[in-house]
C-alpha atoms as a PDB file:
ATOM      1  CA  MET A   1      66.466 137.510  63.670  1.00  0.00           C
ATOM      2  CA  ALA A   2      66.285 135.602  66.941  1.00  0.00           C
ATOM      3  CA  SER A   3      65.117 137.356  70.082  1.00  0.00           C
ATOM      4  CA  ILE A   4      65.600 136.782  73.795  1.00  0.00           C
ATOM      5  CA  GLU A   5      62.468 137.290  75.831  1.00  0.00           C
ATOM      6  CA  THR A   6      63.584 136.147  79.280  1.00  0.00           C
ATOM      7  CA  VAL A   7      66.523 135.142  81.415  1.00  0.00           C
ATOM      8  CA  THR A   8      65.791 132.529  84.072  1.00  0.00           C
ATOM      9  CA  LEU A   9      68.057 132.244  87.093  1.00  0.00           C
ATOM     10  CA  ALA A  10      68.082 128.985  89.019  1.00  0.00           C
ATOM     11  CA  VAL A  11      68.244 129.893  92.707  1.00  0.00           C
ATOM     12  CA  ALA A  12      68.006 128.112  96.044  1.00  0.00           C
ATOM     13  CA  ASP A  13      65.216 130.390  97.315  1.00  0.00           C
ATOM     14  CA  PRO A  14      63.027 131.918  94.558  1.00  0.00           C
ATOM     15  CA  THR A  15      60.937 133.963  97.013  1.00  0.00           C
ATOM     16  CA  ALA A  16      63.986 135.613  98.557  1.00  0.00           C
ATOM     17  CA  ALA A  17      65.502 136.199  95.121  1.00  0.00           C
ATOM     18  CA  GLN A  18      62.294 137.769  93.840  1.00  0.00           C
ATOM     19  CA  ASP A  19      62.206 140.121  96.825  1.00  0.00           C
ATOM     20  CA  PHE A  20      65.822 141.082  96.174  1.00  0.00           C
ATOM     21  CA  TYR A  21      65.405 141.833  92.473  1.00  0.00           C
ATOM     22  CA  LYS A  22      62.280 143.896  92.986  1.00  0.00           C
ATOM     23  CA  SER A  23      63.931 145.917  95.749  1.00  0.00           C
ATOM     24  CA  ALA A  24      67.309 146.214  94.050  1.00  0.00           C
ATOM     25  CA  PHE A  25      66.451 146.889  90.413  1.00  0.00           C
ATOM     26  CA  GLY A  26      62.679 146.766  89.994  1.00  0.00           C
ATOM     27  CA  LEU A  27      63.039 143.879  87.528  1.00  0.00           C
ATOM     28  CA  ASP A  28      59.953 141.944  86.575  1.00  0.00           C
ATOM     29  CA  THR A  29      59.115 140.681  83.079  1.00  0.00           C
ATOM     30  CA  GLN A  30      62.625 140.063  81.691  1.00  0.00           C
ATOM     31  CA  LEU A  31      63.850 138.084  84.701  1.00  0.00           C
ATOM     32  CA  ARG A  32      62.422 134.778  85.859  1.00  0.00           C
ATOM     33  CA  LEU A  33      63.392 132.567  88.773  1.00  0.00           C
ATOM     34  CA  ARG A  34      63.157 128.853  89.397  1.00  0.00           C
ATOM     35  CA  ALA A  35      64.176 126.669  92.311  1.00  0.00           C
ATOM     36  CA  SER A  36      67.390 124.699  91.963  1.00  0.00           C
ATOM     37  CA  GLU A  37      69.963 123.076  94.196  1.00  0.00           C
ATOM     38  CA  GLU A  38      72.346 122.277  91.320  1.00  0.00           C
ATOM     39  CA  PRO A  39      75.937 122.491  92.575  1.00  0.00           C
ATOM     40  CA  THR A  40      77.969 125.440  91.385  1.00  0.00           C
ATOM     41  CA  THR A  41      81.214 127.025  92.565  1.00  0.00           C
ATOM     42  CA  GLY A  42      83.168 130.134  91.622  1.00  0.00           C
ATOM     43  CA  PHE A  43      82.484 132.142  88.484  1.00  0.00           C
ATOM     44  CA  ARG A  44      79.373 130.893  86.698  1.00  0.00           C
ATOM     45  CA  GLY A  45      80.563 132.131  83.312  1.00  0.00           C
ATOM     46  CA  PHE A  46      78.112 134.972  82.660  1.00  0.00           C
ATOM     47  CA  THR A  47      77.147 138.445  83.791  1.00  0.00           C
ATOM     48  CA  LEU A  48      74.042 140.580  83.450  1.00  0.00           C
ATOM     49  CA  SER A  49      74.326 144.297  82.774  1.00  0.00           C
ATOM     50  CA  LEU A  50      71.833 147.094  83.224  1.00  0.00           C
ATOM     51  CA  THR A  51      72.453 150.123  81.017  1.00  0.00           C
ATOM     52  CA  VAL A  52      70.932 153.346  82.315  1.00  0.00           C
ATOM     53  CA  SER A  53      70.791 157.036  81.398  1.00  0.00           C
ATOM     54  CA  GLY A  54      73.197 158.656  83.833  1.00  0.00           C
ATOM     55  CA  PRO A  55      75.531 158.387  86.840  1.00  0.00           C
ATOM     56  CA  ALA A  56      72.817 159.312  89.371  1.00  0.00           C
ATOM     57  CA  THR A  57      70.714 156.340  88.255  1.00  0.00           C
ATOM     58  CA  VAL A  58      73.754 154.060  88.506  1.00  0.00           C
ATOM     59  CA  ASP A  59      74.276 155.258  92.073  1.00  0.00           C
ATOM     60  CA  SER A  60      70.593 154.743  92.883  1.00  0.00           C
ATOM     61  CA  LEU A  61      70.389 151.174  91.546  1.00  0.00           C
ATOM     62  CA  VAL A  62      73.705 150.058  93.019  1.00  0.00           C
ATOM     63  CA  GLY A  63      72.692 151.625  96.327  1.00  0.00           C
ATOM     64  CA  THR A  64      69.363 149.803  96.495  1.00  0.00           C
ATOM     65  CA  ALA A  65      71.068 146.553  95.476  1.00  0.00           C
ATOM     66  CA  LEU A  66      73.570 146.874  98.329  1.00  0.00           C
ATOM     67  CA  ASP A  67      70.792 147.800 100.747  1.00  0.00           C
ATOM     68  CA  ALA A  68      68.888 144.670  99.657  1.00  0.00           C
ATOM     69  CA  GLY A  69      71.840 142.390 100.387  1.00  0.00           C
ATOM     70  CA  ALA A  70      74.160 142.485  97.357  1.00  0.00           C
ATOM     71  CA  THR A  71      77.948 142.450  97.711  1.00  0.00           C
ATOM     72  CA  ALA A  72      80.097 145.084  95.993  1.00  0.00           C
ATOM     73  CA  LEU A  73      82.633 143.590  93.572  1.00  0.00           C
ATOM     74  CA  LYS A  74      83.658 146.879  91.965  1.00  0.00           C
ATOM     75  CA  PRO A  75      82.571 150.175  93.547  1.00  0.00           C
ATOM     76  CA  VAL A  76      80.931 152.692  91.235  1.00  0.00           C
ATOM     77  CA  ALA A  77      83.550 154.811  89.510  1.00  0.00           C
ATOM     78  CA  LYS A  78      84.290 156.849  86.395  1.00  0.00           C
ATOM     79  CA  SER A  79      86.203 155.263  83.548  1.00  0.00           C
ATOM     80  CA  PHE A  80      87.133 156.148  79.978  1.00  0.00           C
ATOM     81  CA  TRP A  81      83.856 154.571  78.758  1.00  0.00           C
ATOM     82  CA  GLY A  82      81.515 156.111  81.306  1.00  0.00           C
ATOM     83  CA  TYR A  83      80.440 155.342  84.862  1.00  0.00           C
ATOM     84  CA  GLY A  84      79.431 152.113  86.577  1.00  0.00           C
ATOM     85  CA  GLY A  85      79.844 149.503  89.272  1.00  0.00           C
ATOM     86  CA  VAL A  86      79.509 145.749  89.782  1.00  0.00           C
ATOM     87  CA  VAL A  87      77.607 143.869  92.481  1.00  0.00           C
ATOM     88  CA  GLN A  88      76.893 140.227  93.249  1.00  0.00           C
ATOM     89  CA  ALA A  89      73.341 139.302  94.198  1.00  0.00           C
ATOM     90  CA  PRO A  90      72.707 137.012  97.193  1.00  0.00           C
ATOM     91  CA  ASP A  91      71.983 134.156  94.743  1.00  0.00           C
ATOM     92  CA  GLY A  92      75.461 134.583  93.240  1.00  0.00           C
ATOM     93  CA  THR A  93      74.550 136.303  89.974  1.00  0.00           C
ATOM     94  CA  ILE A  94      76.922 139.102  88.970  1.00  0.00           C
ATOM     95  CA  TRP A  95      75.378 142.383  87.812  1.00  0.00           C
ATOM     96  CA  LYS A  96      76.993 145.448  86.255  1.00  0.00           C
ATOM     97  CA  VAL A  97      75.118 148.751  86.335  1.00  0.00           C
ATOM     98  CA  ALA A  98      76.563 151.303  83.941  1.00  0.00           C
ATOM     99  CA  THR A  99      76.070 154.350  81.753  1.00  0.00           C
ATOM    100  CA  SER A 100      78.099 155.834  78.916  1.00  0.00           C
ATOM    101  CA  ALA A 101      77.203 159.328  80.156  1.00  0.00           C
ATOM    102  CA  LYS A 102      79.868 161.138  82.127  1.00  0.00           C
ATOM    103  CA  LYS A 103      77.443 163.696  83.617  1.00  0.00           C
ATOM    104  CA  ASP A 104      73.813 163.711  84.633  1.00  0.00           C
ATOM    105  CA  THR A 105      71.308 165.572  82.490  1.00  0.00           C
ATOM    106  CA  GLY A 106      68.466 165.040  84.945  1.00  0.00           C
ATOM    107  CA  PRO A 107      67.562 163.493  88.302  1.00  0.00           C
ATOM    108  CA  ALA A 108      68.059 159.837  89.150  1.00  0.00           C
ATOM    109  CA  THR A 109      65.364 157.461  87.941  1.00  0.00           C
ATOM    110  CA  ARG A 110      64.667 153.723  88.231  1.00  0.00           C
ATOM    111  CA  ASP A 111      64.496 153.364  84.446  1.00  0.00           C
ATOM    112  CA  ILE A 112      66.607 150.678  82.759  1.00  0.00           C
ATOM    113  CA  ASP A 113      67.432 151.339  79.105  1.00  0.00           C
ATOM    114  CA  GLU A 114      68.877 147.909  78.294  1.00  0.00           C
ATOM    115  CA  MET A 115      69.481 144.566  79.953  1.00  0.00           C
ATOM    116  CA  VAL A 116      72.475 142.760  78.470  1.00  0.00           C
ATOM    117  CA  LEU A 117      73.483 139.144  78.980  1.00  0.00           C
ATOM    118  CA  LEU A 118      77.197 138.507  78.452  1.00  0.00           C
ATOM    119  CA  LEU A 119      78.288 134.887  78.103  1.00  0.00           C
ATOM    120  CA  GLY A 120      81.899 134.063  78.909  1.00  0.00           C
ATOM    121  CA  VAL A 121      83.057 131.540  76.318  1.00  0.00           C
ATOM    122  CA  ALA A 122      86.200 129.523  75.666  1.00  0.00           C
ATOM    123  CA  ASP A 123      86.359 130.118  71.908  1.00  0.00           C
ATOM    124  CA  ILE A 124      84.716 133.248  70.511  1.00  0.00           C
ATOM    125  CA  ALA A 125      84.927 132.103  66.881  1.00  0.00           C
ATOM    126  CA  ALA A 126      83.390 128.690  67.587  1.00  0.00           C
ATOM    127  CA  SER A 127      80.591 130.117  69.720  1.00  0.00           C
ATOM    128  CA  LYS A 128      79.867 132.844  67.171  1.00  0.00           C
ATOM    129  CA  ARG A 129      79.603 130.234  64.419  1.00  0.00           C
ATOM    130  CA  PHE A 130      77.322 128.078  66.571  1.00  0.00           C
ATOM    131  CA  TYR A 131      74.917 130.921  67.308  1.00  0.00           C
ATOM    132  CA  VAL A 132      74.769 132.018  63.681  1.00  0.00           C
ATOM    133  CA  GLU A 133      73.795 128.435  62.828  1.00  0.00           C
ATOM    134  CA  GLN A 134      70.955 128.747  65.375  1.00  0.00           C
ATOM    135  CA  GLY A 135      69.595 131.760  63.508  1.00  0.00           C
ATOM    136  CA  LEU A 136      71.127 134.695  65.395  1.00  0.00           C
ATOM    137  CA  THR A 137      72.509 137.636  63.437  1.00  0.00           C
ATOM    138  CA  VAL A 138      75.826 139.247  64.330  1.00  0.00           C
ATOM    139  CA  GLY A 139      75.489 142.950  65.050  1.00  0.00           C
ATOM    140  CA  LYS A 140      79.076 143.770  66.049  1.00  0.00           C
ATOM    141  CA  SER A 141      82.187 141.616  66.063  1.00  0.00           C
ATOM    142  CA  PHE A 142      85.670 142.417  67.325  1.00  0.00           C
ATOM    143  CA  GLY A 143      87.730 139.435  66.204  1.00  0.00           C
ATOM    144  CA  ARG A 144      88.240 136.867  68.930  1.00  0.00           C
ATOM    145  CA  MET A 145      87.493 139.386  71.686  1.00  0.00           C
ATOM    146  CA  TYR A 146      83.780 140.189  71.626  1.00  0.00           C
ATOM    147  CA  VAL A 147      80.609 139.522  69.640  1.00  0.00           C
ATOM    148  CA  GLU A 148      77.274 141.305  69.974  1.00  0.00           C
ATOM    149  CA  PHE A 149      74.163 139.904  68.330  1.00  0.00           C
ATOM    150  CA  ALA A 150      71.444 141.957  66.647  1.00  0.00           C
ATOM    151  CA  THR A 151      68.372 141.024  68.671  1.00  0.00           C
ATOM    152  CA  GLY A 152      66.151 143.900  67.548  1.00  0.00           C
ATOM    153  CA  SER A 153      63.626 145.014  70.140  1.00  0.00           C
ATOM    154  CA  SER A 154      64.284 142.036  72.423  1.00  0.00           C
ATOM    155  CA  PRO A 155      63.959 142.787  76.152  1.00  0.00           C
ATOM    156  CA  VAL A 156      67.425 141.240  76.614  1.00  0.00           C
ATOM    157  CA  LYS A 157      70.518 141.827  74.457  1.00  0.00           C
ATOM    158  CA  LEU A 158      73.186 139.144  74.003  1.00  0.00           C
ATOM    159  CA  GLY A 159      76.960 139.284  73.720  1.00  0.00           C
ATOM    160  CA  LEU A 160      79.879 136.852  73.826  1.00  0.00           C
ATOM    161  CA  TYR A 161      83.086 137.659  75.693  1.00  0.00           C
ATOM    162  CA  ARG A 162      86.145 135.584  76.468  1.00  0.00           C
ATOM    163  CA  ARG A 163      85.570 133.941  79.839  1.00  0.00           C
ATOM    164  CA  ARG A 164      88.791 135.155  81.450  1.00  0.00           C
ATOM    165  CA  ALA A 165      88.312 138.683  80.140  1.00  0.00           C
ATOM    166  CA  LEU A 166      84.727 138.772  81.411  1.00  0.00           C
ATOM    167  CA  ALA A 167      85.770 137.586  84.865  1.00  0.00           C
ATOM    168  CA  LYS A 168      88.520 140.208  84.987  1.00  0.00           C
ATOM    169  CA  ASP A 169      86.064 142.914  83.922  1.00  0.00           C
ATOM    170  CA  VAL A 170      83.798 142.239  86.903  1.00  0.00           C
ATOM    171  CA  GLY A 171      86.588 141.613  89.406  1.00  0.00           C
ATOM    172  CA  VAL A 172      86.409 137.864  90.037  1.00  0.00           C
ATOM    173  CA  GLN A 173      88.591 134.828  89.368  1.00  0.00           C
ATOM    174  CA  PRO A 174      87.677 132.988  86.143  1.00  0.00           C
ATOM    175  CA  ASP A 175      87.584 129.499  87.624  1.00  0.00           C
ATOM    176  CA  GLY A 176      84.274 127.832  88.341  1.00  0.00           C
ATOM    177  CA  THR A 177      82.600 124.439  88.255  1.00  0.00           C
ATOM    178  CA  GLY A 178      79.116 122.990  88.075  1.00  0.00           C
ATOM    179  CA  SER A 179      75.908 124.527  86.770  1.00  0.00           C
ATOM    180  CA  HIS A 180      75.662 127.984  85.193  1.00  0.00           C
ATOM    181  CA  ARG A 181      72.244 128.208  86.900  1.00  0.00           C
ATOM    182  CA  LEU A 182      71.004 130.115  83.882  1.00  0.00           C
ATOM    183  CA  VAL A 183      68.413 129.375  81.188  1.00  0.00           C
ATOM    184  CA  ILE A 184      67.891 131.707  78.223  1.00  0.00           C
ATOM    185  CA  GLY A 185      64.365 131.928  76.836  1.00  0.00           C
ATOM    186  CA  GLY A 186      63.919 132.939  73.202  1.00  0.00           C
ATOM    187  CA  ASP A 187      62.538 132.071  69.808  1.00  0.00           C
ATOM    188  CA  ALA A 188      65.715 130.380  68.541  1.00  0.00           C
ATOM    189  CA  GLY A 189      64.546 127.053  69.998  1.00  0.00           C
ATOM    190  CA  ALA A 190      65.827 124.696  72.680  1.00  0.00           C
ATOM    191  CA  PHE A 191      69.524 123.798  72.642  1.00  0.00           C
ATOM    192  CA  THR A 192      72.739 123.913  74.651  1.00  0.00           C
ATOM    193  CA  ASP A 193      75.699 125.897  73.347  1.00  0.00           C
ATOM    194  CA  PRO A 194      79.370 124.784  73.290  1.00  0.00           C
ATOM    195  CA  ASP A 195      79.982 126.260  76.754  1.00  0.00           C
ATOM    196  CA  GLY A 196      76.981 124.570  78.352  1.00  0.00           C
ATOM    197  CA  PHE A 197      74.552 127.501  78.351  1.00  0.00           C
ATOM    198  CA  ALA A 198      70.995 126.220  77.972  1.00  0.00           C
ATOM    199  CA  TRP A 199      68.260 127.787  75.847  1.00  0.00           C
ATOM    200  CA  GLU A 200      64.561 127.025  75.886  1.00  0.00           C
ATOM    201  CA  SER A 201      61.677 128.152  73.690  1.00  0.00           C
ATOM    202  CA  SER A 202      59.676 130.963  75.229  1.00  0.00           C
ATOM    203  CA  ALA A 203      56.081 131.781  74.379  1.00  0.00           C
ATOM    204  CA  PRO A 204      55.297 135.432  73.572  1.00  0.00           C
ATOM    205  CA  ALA A 205      54.258 137.423  76.626  1.00  0.00           C
ATOM    206  CA  ARG A 206      50.511 137.737  77.032  1.00  0.00           C
ATOM    207  CA  THR A 207      48.919 141.154  77.092  1.00  0.00           C
ATOM    208  CA  ALA A 208      45.797 142.030  79.013  1.00  0.00           C
END
């Protein structure tokens, strides 16, 4: 079973991005940043999601993200699946903060239960087959709509979604050109998938 240890975002100003992510979400070990001026326009083909325990925590994290300079793409709201909202970080990365809980069972926290990387792909079946060949195990599969991989206790979960459907879900147009400005770090090795998403080998995190 392959695991994902880190997600690296290529940004124009790593120091500013680091300040944003610490203030907005308190992210540290799962998220890495590197300097890049690679051209990119429009939708970059992926989103990152933070799953939390309740609506109050959604409100807290979205609020601190907006205060730190994010742009609201979808205001927080209830839906049939739960409660959540979508923001775009100053570096252009799109983040969804959501919970399946309809009501709070406690006060707001800064705790993140899961971080999920969703890749928008052109052909779900082809991308699913490619990733299985790289050693990933399918956890859930809904035909040509959505695939979720079983990544065990990985800090980052991985799913595949149709590009247009993913863009619609977060409230942006699906068109985009240039670099994804994303590198996925895991133990599956170094490769580039059919939609141009790059992977690199990541060493296990050191413990003190």
